[in-house]
N, C-alpha and C. Protein backbone atom coordinates (compact mmCIF):
# COMPACT_ATOMS: atom_id res chain seq x y z
N MET A 1 85.53 88.81 122.29
CA MET A 1 86.11 89.98 121.66
C MET A 1 86.77 89.56 120.35
N THR A 2 86.59 90.37 119.35
CA THR A 2 87.18 90.12 118.05
C THR A 2 88.63 90.57 118.05
N ASN A 3 89.49 89.82 117.36
CA ASN A 3 90.90 90.21 117.26
C ASN A 3 91.01 91.57 116.59
N MET A 4 91.88 92.39 117.13
CA MET A 4 92.10 93.71 116.55
C MET A 4 93.53 94.12 116.83
N ASN A 5 94.15 94.79 115.89
CA ASN A 5 95.53 95.21 116.02
C ASN A 5 95.59 96.71 116.30
N ASN A 6 96.33 97.10 117.33
CA ASN A 6 96.51 98.52 117.64
C ASN A 6 97.92 99.00 117.29
N LEU A 7 98.78 98.10 116.85
CA LEU A 7 100.13 98.51 116.45
C LEU A 7 100.08 99.10 115.05
N VAL A 8 100.75 100.21 114.86
CA VAL A 8 100.76 100.86 113.55
C VAL A 8 101.32 99.87 112.52
N TYR A 9 100.54 99.65 111.47
CA TYR A 9 100.85 98.64 110.47
C TYR A 9 100.41 99.15 109.11
N ASP A 10 101.32 99.18 108.15
CA ASP A 10 100.99 99.70 106.83
C ASP A 10 100.63 98.60 105.83
N GLY A 11 100.54 97.37 106.28
CA GLY A 11 100.24 96.24 105.40
C GLY A 11 101.45 95.33 105.21
N THR A 12 102.64 95.86 105.48
CA THR A 12 103.84 95.04 105.37
C THR A 12 104.73 95.15 106.61
N THR A 13 104.72 96.28 107.29
CA THR A 13 105.63 96.52 108.41
C THR A 13 104.88 97.02 109.63
N TYR A 14 105.22 96.46 110.80
CA TYR A 14 104.67 96.93 112.07
C TYR A 14 105.61 97.97 112.69
N ASN A 15 105.09 98.71 113.65
CA ASN A 15 105.88 99.64 114.47
C ASN A 15 106.71 100.60 113.63
N LEU A 16 106.03 101.24 112.69
CA LEU A 16 106.73 102.17 111.80
C LEU A 16 107.29 103.36 112.56
N PRO A 17 108.45 103.87 112.12
CA PRO A 17 108.97 105.10 112.72
C PRO A 17 108.02 106.25 112.41
N PHE A 18 108.10 107.32 113.20
CA PHE A 18 107.21 108.44 112.93
C PHE A 18 107.75 109.28 111.78
N ASP A 19 107.05 109.23 110.68
CA ASP A 19 107.27 110.07 109.52
C ASP A 19 105.95 110.05 108.76
N TYR A 20 105.92 110.59 107.56
CA TYR A 20 104.66 110.66 106.83
C TYR A 20 104.13 109.26 106.51
N ALA A 21 105.02 108.34 106.14
CA ALA A 21 104.59 106.96 105.87
C ALA A 21 104.04 106.30 107.14
N GLY A 22 104.69 106.54 108.27
CA GLY A 22 104.20 106.01 109.54
C GLY A 22 102.85 106.59 109.90
N LEU A 23 102.68 107.88 109.64
CA LEU A 23 101.40 108.54 109.90
C LEU A 23 100.28 107.92 109.06
N LYS A 24 100.57 107.68 107.79
CA LYS A 24 99.56 107.02 106.94
C LYS A 24 99.29 105.60 107.43
N GLY A 25 100.32 104.90 107.94
CA GLY A 25 100.12 103.58 108.52
C GLY A 25 99.21 103.62 109.74
N ALA A 26 99.35 104.68 110.55
CA ALA A 26 98.48 104.84 111.73
C ALA A 26 97.03 105.02 111.30
N TYR A 27 96.80 105.85 110.28
CA TYR A 27 95.44 106.05 109.79
C TYR A 27 94.88 104.75 109.18
N ARG A 28 95.74 103.98 108.51
CA ARG A 28 95.29 102.69 107.96
C ARG A 28 94.88 101.75 109.09
N THR A 29 95.72 101.68 110.13
CA THR A 29 95.43 100.81 111.27
C THR A 29 94.10 101.20 111.92
N ALA A 30 93.89 102.50 112.11
CA ALA A 30 92.65 102.98 112.73
C ALA A 30 91.44 102.70 111.85
N SER A 31 91.64 102.71 110.54
CA SER A 31 90.52 102.46 109.63
C SER A 31 90.04 101.02 109.67
N LEU A 32 90.87 100.11 110.20
CA LEU A 32 90.52 98.69 110.27
C LEU A 32 89.95 98.27 111.62
N MET A 33 89.75 99.22 112.53
CA MET A 33 89.23 98.88 113.85
C MET A 33 87.78 98.40 113.76
N VAL A 34 87.44 97.54 114.70
CA VAL A 34 86.09 96.95 114.73
C VAL A 34 85.50 97.11 116.13
N ASP A 35 84.19 96.95 116.20
CA ASP A 35 83.53 96.98 117.51
C ASP A 35 83.61 95.59 118.14
N PRO A 36 83.12 95.40 119.36
CA PRO A 36 83.24 94.09 120.01
C PRO A 36 82.58 92.94 119.26
N LYS A 37 81.66 93.25 118.36
CA LYS A 37 81.00 92.19 117.59
C LYS A 37 81.69 91.92 116.26
N GLY A 38 82.77 92.68 115.98
CA GLY A 38 83.50 92.48 114.73
C GLY A 38 83.04 93.36 113.59
N ASN A 39 82.09 94.25 113.85
CA ASN A 39 81.62 95.17 112.82
C ASN A 39 82.61 96.32 112.66
N PRO A 40 82.79 96.85 111.45
CA PRO A 40 83.72 97.96 111.25
C PRO A 40 83.36 99.16 112.14
N ARG A 41 84.35 99.70 112.80
CA ARG A 41 84.17 100.91 113.61
C ARG A 41 85.50 101.66 113.63
N PRO A 42 85.86 102.27 112.50
CA PRO A 42 87.15 102.94 112.41
C PRO A 42 87.25 104.14 113.35
N ALA A 43 88.45 104.39 113.83
CA ALA A 43 88.71 105.56 114.67
C ALA A 43 89.19 106.70 113.78
N SER A 44 88.85 107.91 114.15
CA SER A 44 89.32 109.11 113.45
C SER A 44 90.42 109.73 114.29
N LEU A 45 91.65 109.46 113.94
CA LEU A 45 92.78 109.90 114.76
C LEU A 45 92.88 111.43 114.76
N THR A 46 92.90 112.00 115.96
CA THR A 46 92.92 113.46 116.09
C THR A 46 94.13 113.97 116.87
N THR A 47 94.77 113.11 117.66
CA THR A 47 95.83 113.57 118.56
C THR A 47 97.02 112.63 118.50
N LEU A 48 98.21 113.23 118.38
CA LEU A 48 99.47 112.49 118.37
C LEU A 48 100.17 112.72 119.70
N VAL A 49 100.65 111.65 120.32
CA VAL A 49 101.39 111.74 121.58
C VAL A 49 102.84 111.35 121.33
N VAL A 50 103.76 112.25 121.68
CA VAL A 50 105.20 112.02 121.51
C VAL A 50 105.94 112.56 122.73
N LYS A 51 107.20 112.15 122.88
CA LYS A 51 108.03 112.73 123.93
C LYS A 51 108.43 114.14 123.51
N LYS A 52 108.30 115.07 124.43
CA LYS A 52 108.60 116.47 124.16
C LYS A 52 110.09 116.67 123.84
N GLY A 53 110.35 117.48 122.82
CA GLY A 53 111.72 117.85 122.48
C GLY A 53 112.52 116.80 121.76
N THR A 54 111.87 115.81 121.19
CA THR A 54 112.58 114.73 120.49
C THR A 54 112.42 114.87 118.98
N ALA A 55 113.12 114.01 118.25
CA ALA A 55 113.01 114.01 116.79
C ALA A 55 111.56 113.80 116.36
N ASN A 56 110.83 112.92 117.06
CA ASN A 56 109.42 112.70 116.71
C ASN A 56 108.60 113.96 116.92
N HIS A 57 108.88 114.70 117.97
CA HIS A 57 108.16 115.94 118.25
C HIS A 57 108.41 116.96 117.14
N PHE A 58 109.67 117.14 116.76
CA PHE A 58 110.00 118.09 115.71
C PHE A 58 109.43 117.66 114.36
N LYS A 59 109.53 116.36 114.07
CA LYS A 59 109.00 115.83 112.81
C LYS A 59 107.48 116.03 112.75
N ALA A 60 106.80 115.84 113.89
CA ALA A 60 105.34 116.04 113.93
C ALA A 60 104.98 117.48 113.59
N ASN A 61 105.73 118.43 114.13
CA ASN A 61 105.46 119.83 113.82
C ASN A 61 105.72 120.15 112.36
N GLU A 62 106.78 119.56 111.77
CA GLU A 62 107.07 119.76 110.35
C GLU A 62 105.96 119.18 109.48
N ILE A 63 105.54 117.95 109.78
CA ILE A 63 104.48 117.31 109.00
C ILE A 63 103.18 118.09 109.14
N LEU A 64 102.86 118.49 110.36
CA LEU A 64 101.62 119.24 110.60
C LEU A 64 101.63 120.56 109.84
N GLY A 65 102.79 121.24 109.80
CA GLY A 65 102.88 122.49 109.05
C GLY A 65 102.58 122.29 107.57
N ALA A 66 103.12 121.23 106.97
CA ALA A 66 102.87 120.94 105.56
C ALA A 66 101.40 120.61 105.33
N ILE A 67 100.80 119.82 106.22
CA ILE A 67 99.39 119.44 106.06
C ILE A 67 98.51 120.68 106.13
N LYS A 68 98.81 121.59 107.06
CA LYS A 68 98.00 122.81 107.20
C LYS A 68 98.13 123.73 105.99
N LYS A 69 99.25 123.62 105.27
CA LYS A 69 99.43 124.41 104.04
C LYS A 69 98.80 123.71 102.83
N GLY A 70 98.22 122.52 103.05
CA GLY A 70 97.61 121.76 101.97
C GLY A 70 98.63 121.05 101.09
N MET A 71 99.79 120.73 101.65
CA MET A 71 100.86 120.09 100.88
C MET A 71 101.11 118.68 101.41
N ILE A 72 101.80 117.88 100.61
CA ILE A 72 102.23 116.55 101.03
C ILE A 72 103.50 116.71 101.87
N PRO A 73 103.49 116.24 103.10
CA PRO A 73 104.70 116.34 103.93
C PRO A 73 105.85 115.54 103.31
N GLU A 74 107.07 116.02 103.51
CA GLU A 74 108.29 115.36 103.06
C GLU A 74 108.33 115.16 101.55
N SER A 75 107.73 116.11 100.81
CA SER A 75 107.66 115.97 99.36
C SER A 75 107.70 117.36 98.72
N PHE A 76 108.16 117.40 97.48
CA PHE A 76 108.14 118.65 96.73
C PHE A 76 106.86 118.77 95.89
N ASP A 77 106.02 117.73 95.93
CA ASP A 77 104.76 117.78 95.20
C ASP A 77 103.84 118.79 95.87
N HIS A 78 103.00 119.39 95.08
CA HIS A 78 102.06 120.37 95.62
C HIS A 78 100.64 119.82 95.65
N ASP A 79 100.54 118.49 95.74
CA ASP A 79 99.24 117.86 95.90
C ASP A 79 98.83 117.96 97.36
N GLY A 80 97.59 117.60 97.65
CA GLY A 80 97.11 117.63 99.03
C GLY A 80 97.57 116.42 99.81
N SER A 81 97.57 116.56 101.13
CA SER A 81 97.97 115.48 102.03
C SER A 81 96.91 114.38 102.06
N ALA A 82 97.36 113.15 102.28
CA ALA A 82 96.43 112.02 102.37
C ALA A 82 95.76 111.92 103.74
N VAL A 83 96.30 112.63 104.73
CA VAL A 83 95.74 112.59 106.09
C VAL A 83 95.38 114.00 106.53
N SER A 84 94.50 114.06 107.50
CA SER A 84 94.05 115.37 107.99
C SER A 84 94.96 115.88 109.10
N ALA A 85 94.81 117.15 109.42
CA ALA A 85 95.60 117.76 110.48
C ALA A 85 95.26 117.11 111.82
N PHE A 86 96.19 117.17 112.75
CA PHE A 86 96.03 116.53 114.05
C PHE A 86 96.65 117.45 115.10
N GLU A 87 96.35 117.16 116.33
CA GLU A 87 96.91 117.91 117.46
C GLU A 87 98.15 117.15 117.95
N VAL A 88 99.20 117.86 118.30
CA VAL A 88 100.40 117.24 118.85
C VAL A 88 100.38 117.43 120.36
N LEU A 89 100.50 116.32 121.09
CA LEU A 89 100.52 116.35 122.56
C LEU A 89 101.91 115.89 123.01
N PRO A 90 102.85 116.83 123.21
CA PRO A 90 104.20 116.45 123.65
C PRO A 90 104.24 116.29 125.17
N LEU A 91 104.74 115.16 125.64
CA LEU A 91 104.78 114.88 127.07
C LEU A 91 106.23 114.72 127.54
N ASP A 92 106.52 115.23 128.73
CA ASP A 92 107.88 115.16 129.29
C ASP A 92 108.25 113.78 129.81
N TYR A 93 107.29 113.05 130.35
CA TYR A 93 107.60 111.85 131.12
C TYR A 93 107.70 110.56 130.31
N ILE A 94 107.57 110.61 129.01
CA ILE A 94 107.75 109.42 128.18
C ILE A 94 109.25 109.12 128.15
N THR A 95 109.63 107.88 128.39
CA THR A 95 111.06 107.56 128.48
C THR A 95 111.68 107.14 127.16
N ASN A 96 110.94 106.48 126.29
CA ASN A 96 111.49 106.03 125.02
C ASN A 96 111.18 107.06 123.93
N THR A 97 112.21 107.64 123.35
CA THR A 97 112.02 108.73 122.40
C THR A 97 111.45 108.27 121.06
N GLY A 98 111.55 106.98 120.74
CA GLY A 98 111.04 106.48 119.47
C GLY A 98 109.56 106.13 119.48
N TYR A 99 108.99 105.94 120.65
CA TYR A 99 107.58 105.54 120.75
C TYR A 99 106.68 106.72 120.39
N TRP A 100 105.54 106.40 119.76
CA TRP A 100 104.53 107.40 119.49
C TRP A 100 103.16 106.75 119.42
N TRP A 101 102.12 107.52 119.72
CA TRP A 101 100.75 107.04 119.78
C TRP A 101 99.84 108.05 119.12
N MET A 102 98.70 107.59 118.65
CA MET A 102 97.64 108.48 118.18
C MET A 102 96.32 107.97 118.72
N PHE A 103 95.39 108.89 118.96
CA PHE A 103 94.08 108.47 119.43
C PHE A 103 92.99 109.37 118.90
N ASP A 104 91.77 108.85 118.98
CA ASP A 104 90.56 109.54 118.56
C ASP A 104 89.98 110.22 119.79
N LYS A 105 90.17 111.53 119.89
CA LYS A 105 89.74 112.28 121.07
C LYS A 105 88.22 112.20 121.27
N SER A 106 87.47 112.08 120.19
CA SER A 106 86.01 112.02 120.32
C SER A 106 85.54 110.73 120.99
N ARG A 107 86.40 109.71 121.03
CA ARG A 107 86.03 108.46 121.69
C ARG A 107 86.85 108.19 122.94
N ALA A 108 88.14 108.49 122.91
CA ALA A 108 89.02 108.16 124.03
C ALA A 108 88.79 109.04 125.25
N MET A 109 88.17 110.19 125.07
CA MET A 109 87.99 111.12 126.18
C MET A 109 86.53 111.22 126.63
N THR A 110 85.78 110.15 126.46
CA THR A 110 84.38 110.17 126.87
C THR A 110 84.15 109.18 128.00
N ASP A 111 83.10 109.39 128.76
CA ASP A 111 82.76 108.47 129.84
C ASP A 111 82.30 107.13 129.30
N ARG A 112 81.77 107.10 128.10
CA ARG A 112 81.23 105.87 127.54
C ARG A 112 82.33 104.91 127.08
N GLU A 113 83.37 105.46 126.42
CA GLU A 113 84.40 104.59 125.85
C GLU A 113 85.81 104.89 126.34
N GLY A 114 86.02 105.95 127.01
CA GLY A 114 87.38 106.36 127.34
C GLY A 114 87.81 106.02 128.75
N PHE A 115 88.83 106.76 129.19
CA PHE A 115 89.31 106.61 130.56
C PHE A 115 88.23 107.07 131.51
N GLN A 116 88.11 106.39 132.63
CA GLN A 116 86.99 106.68 133.53
C GLN A 116 87.44 106.86 134.96
N PHE A 117 86.80 107.79 135.62
CA PHE A 117 86.94 108.01 137.05
C PHE A 117 85.54 107.83 137.63
N VAL A 118 85.33 106.78 138.37
CA VAL A 118 84.02 106.48 138.94
C VAL A 118 84.10 106.68 140.45
N GLU A 119 83.39 107.67 140.94
CA GLU A 119 83.42 107.98 142.36
C GLU A 119 82.22 107.35 143.04
N SER A 120 82.47 106.57 144.09
CA SER A 120 81.36 105.96 144.82
C SER A 120 81.16 106.64 146.17
N GLN A 121 82.16 107.35 146.65
CA GLN A 121 82.01 108.14 147.88
C GLN A 121 82.81 109.41 147.70
N ALA A 122 82.16 110.54 147.84
CA ALA A 122 82.83 111.82 147.71
C ALA A 122 83.84 112.00 148.84
N VAL A 123 84.74 112.94 148.67
CA VAL A 123 85.74 113.23 149.69
C VAL A 123 85.03 113.68 150.97
N GLN A 124 85.39 113.02 152.08
CA GLN A 124 84.78 113.34 153.38
C GLN A 124 85.88 113.55 154.41
N LEU A 125 85.79 114.66 155.13
CA LEU A 125 86.70 114.94 156.23
C LEU A 125 86.15 114.26 157.47
N ASP A 126 86.94 113.35 158.04
CA ASP A 126 86.49 112.62 159.23
C ASP A 126 86.60 113.54 160.45
N PRO A 127 85.90 113.21 161.52
CA PRO A 127 85.96 114.05 162.73
C PRO A 127 87.38 114.15 163.28
N VAL A 128 87.71 115.31 163.83
CA VAL A 128 89.03 115.57 164.39
C VAL A 128 89.13 114.91 165.76
N ASN A 129 90.26 114.25 165.99
CA ASN A 129 90.53 113.65 167.28
C ASN A 129 91.64 114.47 167.95
N VAL A 130 91.39 114.94 169.17
CA VAL A 130 92.39 115.72 169.91
C VAL A 130 93.03 114.82 170.96
N VAL A 131 94.36 114.66 170.91
CA VAL A 131 95.09 113.88 171.90
C VAL A 131 95.23 114.77 173.14
N TYR A 132 94.68 114.31 174.24
CA TYR A 132 94.60 115.14 175.45
C TYR A 132 95.96 115.57 175.96
N LYS A 133 96.93 114.66 176.03
CA LYS A 133 98.25 114.97 176.60
C LYS A 133 99.04 115.98 175.76
N THR A 134 99.06 115.78 174.44
CA THR A 134 99.93 116.59 173.57
C THR A 134 99.17 117.68 172.81
N LYS A 135 97.87 117.64 172.88
CA LYS A 135 97.00 118.56 172.13
C LYS A 135 97.17 118.40 170.60
N GLU A 136 97.71 117.25 170.23
CA GLU A 136 97.87 116.95 168.81
C GLU A 136 96.50 116.76 168.18
N LEU A 137 96.33 117.32 166.96
CA LEU A 137 95.08 117.15 166.22
C LEU A 137 95.29 116.03 165.20
N GLN A 138 94.47 115.02 165.28
CA GLN A 138 94.53 113.90 164.33
C GLN A 138 93.27 113.94 163.48
N THR A 139 93.49 113.90 162.18
CA THR A 139 92.34 113.92 161.27
C THR A 139 92.64 113.01 160.08
N SER A 140 91.61 112.68 159.36
CA SER A 140 91.78 111.86 158.16
C SER A 140 90.69 112.23 157.16
N VAL A 141 90.96 111.84 155.95
CA VAL A 141 90.03 112.08 154.86
C VAL A 141 89.81 110.76 154.14
N THR A 142 88.59 110.50 153.74
CA THR A 142 88.32 109.28 152.98
C THR A 142 87.52 109.60 151.73
N CYS A 143 87.74 108.78 150.71
CA CYS A 143 86.93 108.80 149.51
C CYS A 143 87.11 107.46 148.82
N LEU A 144 86.16 107.08 148.04
CA LEU A 144 86.22 105.81 147.33
C LEU A 144 86.00 106.08 145.85
N PHE A 145 86.89 105.54 145.00
CA PHE A 145 86.75 105.73 143.57
C PHE A 145 87.47 104.60 142.84
N ASP A 146 87.22 104.52 141.56
CA ASP A 146 87.86 103.52 140.73
C ASP A 146 88.34 104.21 139.47
N LEU A 147 89.56 103.93 139.06
CA LEU A 147 90.10 104.42 137.80
C LEU A 147 90.15 103.27 136.83
N GLY A 148 89.76 103.51 135.61
CA GLY A 148 89.80 102.44 134.63
C GLY A 148 89.50 102.96 133.25
N HIS A 149 89.10 102.07 132.39
CA HIS A 149 88.71 102.47 131.04
C HIS A 149 87.70 101.46 130.52
N ASN A 150 86.96 101.90 129.53
CA ASN A 150 85.97 101.05 128.91
C ASN A 150 86.17 101.10 127.41
N ASP A 151 86.75 100.07 126.87
CA ASP A 151 86.93 99.94 125.43
C ASP A 151 87.78 101.05 124.81
N VAL A 152 88.64 101.66 125.61
CA VAL A 152 89.46 102.75 125.10
C VAL A 152 90.47 102.26 124.07
N ALA A 153 90.79 100.98 124.08
CA ALA A 153 91.76 100.44 123.12
C ALA A 153 91.26 100.55 121.69
N ARG A 154 89.98 100.69 121.50
CA ARG A 154 89.42 100.80 120.15
C ARG A 154 89.51 102.21 119.59
N SER A 155 90.27 103.06 120.25
CA SER A 155 90.46 104.42 119.74
C SER A 155 91.93 104.85 119.75
N TRP A 156 92.85 103.92 120.05
CA TRP A 156 94.28 104.22 120.12
C TRP A 156 95.07 103.34 119.15
N VAL A 157 96.14 103.90 118.58
CA VAL A 157 97.14 103.12 117.86
C VAL A 157 98.50 103.51 118.42
N ALA A 158 99.47 102.62 118.33
CA ALA A 158 100.78 102.87 118.93
C ALA A 158 101.88 102.29 118.07
N SER A 159 103.08 102.84 118.22
CA SER A 159 104.24 102.33 117.50
C SER A 159 105.49 102.47 118.36
N LYS A 160 106.34 101.45 118.31
CA LYS A 160 107.65 101.53 118.96
C LYS A 160 108.63 102.34 118.11
N GLY A 161 108.29 102.51 116.85
CA GLY A 161 109.14 103.29 115.96
C GLY A 161 110.39 102.58 115.48
N ASP A 162 110.44 101.26 115.66
CA ASP A 162 111.66 100.52 115.30
C ASP A 162 111.42 99.45 114.22
N SER A 163 110.24 99.44 113.61
CA SER A 163 109.88 98.48 112.56
C SER A 163 109.98 97.04 113.01
N SER A 164 109.86 96.78 114.31
CA SER A 164 109.95 95.41 114.81
C SER A 164 108.62 94.67 114.63
N ASN A 165 108.72 93.38 114.44
CA ASN A 165 107.54 92.54 114.30
C ASN A 165 107.06 92.17 115.70
N PRO A 166 105.78 92.35 116.02
CA PRO A 166 105.30 92.06 117.37
C PRO A 166 105.37 90.59 117.76
N SER A 167 105.45 89.69 116.80
CA SER A 167 105.48 88.27 117.12
C SER A 167 106.90 87.75 117.38
N SER A 168 107.90 88.61 117.17
CA SER A 168 109.27 88.13 117.40
C SER A 168 109.85 88.71 118.67
């Protein structure tokens, strides 16, 4: 496997906080992704994941509003945005409010490259066993499956939002 970085990096700083500069850093990081042989295979970031109701969530909605109006977020300039619009996916169960992620939905949500559910035995209801003395009904259900992913890392970028260097 070829070395590849999934941490948001703008060329000088890792783990950028979520703002317009951090968003551009995420797109830069995704543009440098490669396939397993080292050939360029950039991801097209379509979805932002943040903790619901946090500063990152509100900032994402503000930035997205400016992008949809054809403006540069966090600026009084009336030029166009350097990045395209994205979907915001706010989640309740994220514990660290500074963390944020982006992914390419066209790749991360497919059976070929994304998260996978592989079923080898469908759900089966086993025969009922009746306990003679108590008339208790005993039953069970079985199924066999595997959860995993296949190369999904090549479609995600992430940031702790604290500008920390990953090597320290």
